Protein backbone atom coordinates (compact mmCIF):
# COMPACT_ATOMS: atom_id res chain seq x y z
CA UNK A 1 10.94 -11.69 -23.26
CA UNK A 2 8.70 -9.55 -21.52
CA UNK A 3 5.72 -9.90 -19.19
CA UNK A 4 2.57 -8.09 -20.93
CA UNK A 5 0.30 -6.53 -18.65
CA UNK A 6 -2.39 -3.76 -19.26
CA UNK A 7 -2.57 -1.13 -15.87
CA UNK A 8 -5.30 1.42 -14.93
CA UNK A 9 -3.57 4.59 -13.20
CA UNK A 10 -5.90 7.42 -11.55
CA UNK A 11 -5.15 10.43 -12.47
CA UNK A 12 -4.61 12.72 -9.85
CA UNK A 13 -4.08 9.66 -7.52
CA UNK A 14 -0.92 8.39 -5.99
CA UNK A 15 0.12 5.09 -8.10
CA UNK A 16 2.22 1.62 -7.14
CA UNK A 17 2.28 -1.60 -8.46
CA UNK A 18 4.88 -4.02 -7.55
CA UNK A 19 6.11 -7.47 -9.58
CA UNK A 20 7.81 -10.03 -8.11
CA UNK A 21 10.56 -11.42 -10.04
CA UNK A 22 11.02 -15.25 -9.53
CA UNK A 23 12.61 -18.08 -12.10
CA UNK A 24 10.81 -20.89 -14.16
CA UNK A 25 10.62 -22.76 -10.02
CA UNK A 26 9.21 -19.96 -8.80
CA UNK A 27 12.08 -19.06 -6.50
CA UNK A 28 12.68 -15.19 -6.06
CA UNK A 29 15.39 -14.03 -7.63
CA UNK A 30 17.81 -11.81 -6.16
CA UNK A 31 18.08 -8.03 -7.95
CA UNK A 32 21.49 -7.46 -6.05
CA UNK A 33 23.28 -4.61 -7.97
CA UNK A 34 20.24 -4.47 -10.71
CA UNK A 35 19.10 -0.90 -11.66
CA UNK A 36 15.89 -0.32 -13.45
CA UNK A 37 13.99 2.56 -15.11
CA UNK A 38 10.34 2.98 -16.38
CA UNK A 39 8.11 5.09 -18.45
CA UNK A 40 4.73 6.18 -19.82
CA UNK A 41 4.36 7.47 -23.40
CA UNK A 42 1.30 8.30 -25.30
CA UNK A 43 3.20 6.17 -28.73
CA UNK A 44 5.91 4.16 -28.53
CA UNK A 45 7.58 7.41 -30.67
CA UNK A 46 6.26 10.27 -28.60
CA UNK A 47 9.23 12.33 -27.03
CA UNK A 48 6.98 13.27 -24.17
CA UNK A 49 7.56 10.74 -21.56
CA UNK A 50 6.47 10.31 -17.84
CA UNK A 51 8.90 8.35 -15.41
CA UNK A 52 7.58 6.21 -12.54
CA UNK A 53 10.16 6.11 -9.71
CA UNK A 54 11.56 2.74 -9.40
CA UNK A 55 11.88 1.09 -6.14
CA UNK A 56 14.16 -1.92 -5.83
CA UNK A 57 13.61 -4.55 -3.14
CA UNK A 58 16.79 -6.64 -3.89
CA UNK A 59 16.84 -9.40 -1.67
CA UNK A 60 13.07 -9.93 -2.25
CA UNK A 61 13.06 -9.50 -6.13
CA UNK A 62 10.40 -6.99 -6.29
CA UNK A 63 10.37 -4.14 -8.68
CA UNK A 64 7.94 -1.19 -7.65
CA UNK A 65 6.51 1.49 -9.90
CA UNK A 66 5.50 5.15 -8.17
CA UNK A 67 4.38 7.55 -9.31
CA UNK A 68 2.48 10.82 -6.50
CA UNK A 69 -0.35 12.26 -7.55
CA UNK A 70 1.10 15.19 -8.76
CA UNK A 71 2.79 13.26 -11.37
CA UNK A 72 -0.69 11.23 -12.37
CA UNK A 73 -2.25 15.25 -12.39
CA UNK A 74 0.19 15.85 -15.40
CA UNK A 75 -0.94 13.31 -17.69
CA UNK A 76 -3.95 13.54 -19.90
CA UNK A 77 -6.78 10.97 -19.42
CA UNK A 78 -6.24 8.26 -22.56
CA UNK A 79 -4.29 5.14 -23.39
CA UNK A 80 -0.55 5.07 -23.28
CA UNK A 81 2.25 2.13 -23.51
CA UNK A 82 4.63 1.74 -20.49
CA UNK A 83 7.31 -0.38 -20.04
CA UNK A 84 9.93 -1.31 -17.69
CA UNK A 85 13.69 -1.81 -18.34
CA UNK A 86 16.06 -3.81 -16.13
CA UNK A 87 19.73 -3.59 -16.27
CA UNK A 88 22.05 -6.25 -14.24
CA UNK A 89 25.00 -5.51 -12.99
CA UNK A 90 26.78 -7.12 -15.75
CA UNK A 91 24.99 -4.19 -17.62
CA UNK A 92 22.62 -6.50 -19.37
CA UNK A 93 18.95 -4.72 -20.16
CA UNK A 94 16.33 -6.75 -20.38
CA UNK A 95 12.61 -5.27 -21.13
CA UNK A 96 10.61 -6.72 -17.40
CA UNK A 97 7.26 -5.42 -18.65
CA UNK A 98 5.24 -3.86 -21.07
CA UNK A 99 1.95 -2.85 -21.92
CA UNK A 100 -0.96 -0.34 -22.20
CA UNK A 101 -1.78 1.95 -19.39
CA UNK A 102 -5.29 3.39 -19.12
CA UNK A 103 -5.40 6.88 -17.57
CA UNK A 104 -8.97 7.69 -15.81
CA UNK A 105 -9.90 11.04 -15.35
CA UNK A 106 -10.05 12.50 -11.84
CA UNK A 107 -12.72 14.65 -10.62
CA UNK A 108 -11.77 15.59 -7.42
CA UNK A 109 -9.42 18.33 -7.36
């Protein structure tokens, strides 16, 4: 079952959000050999997607979602959906986090 989260992103600014992965006892889950993808779409069925760069700090169990200011500039202000899918070394995939992401318009260019 995924974590539900609502995020804010500023249009035209760099973006970074980290997720610490721990088990039910609060122990860090090492992510050795894991891969991940994360995307933003206007609707679940939208064909246009904006992809995050996903960094995995394997020994510390941290997944970081990143977009550059050039990438966030391409996204129109508004409300979108997002998620992050992780795949373990045995090729088992899990949706780690999902929710709404609000893109706030920028003024400075």
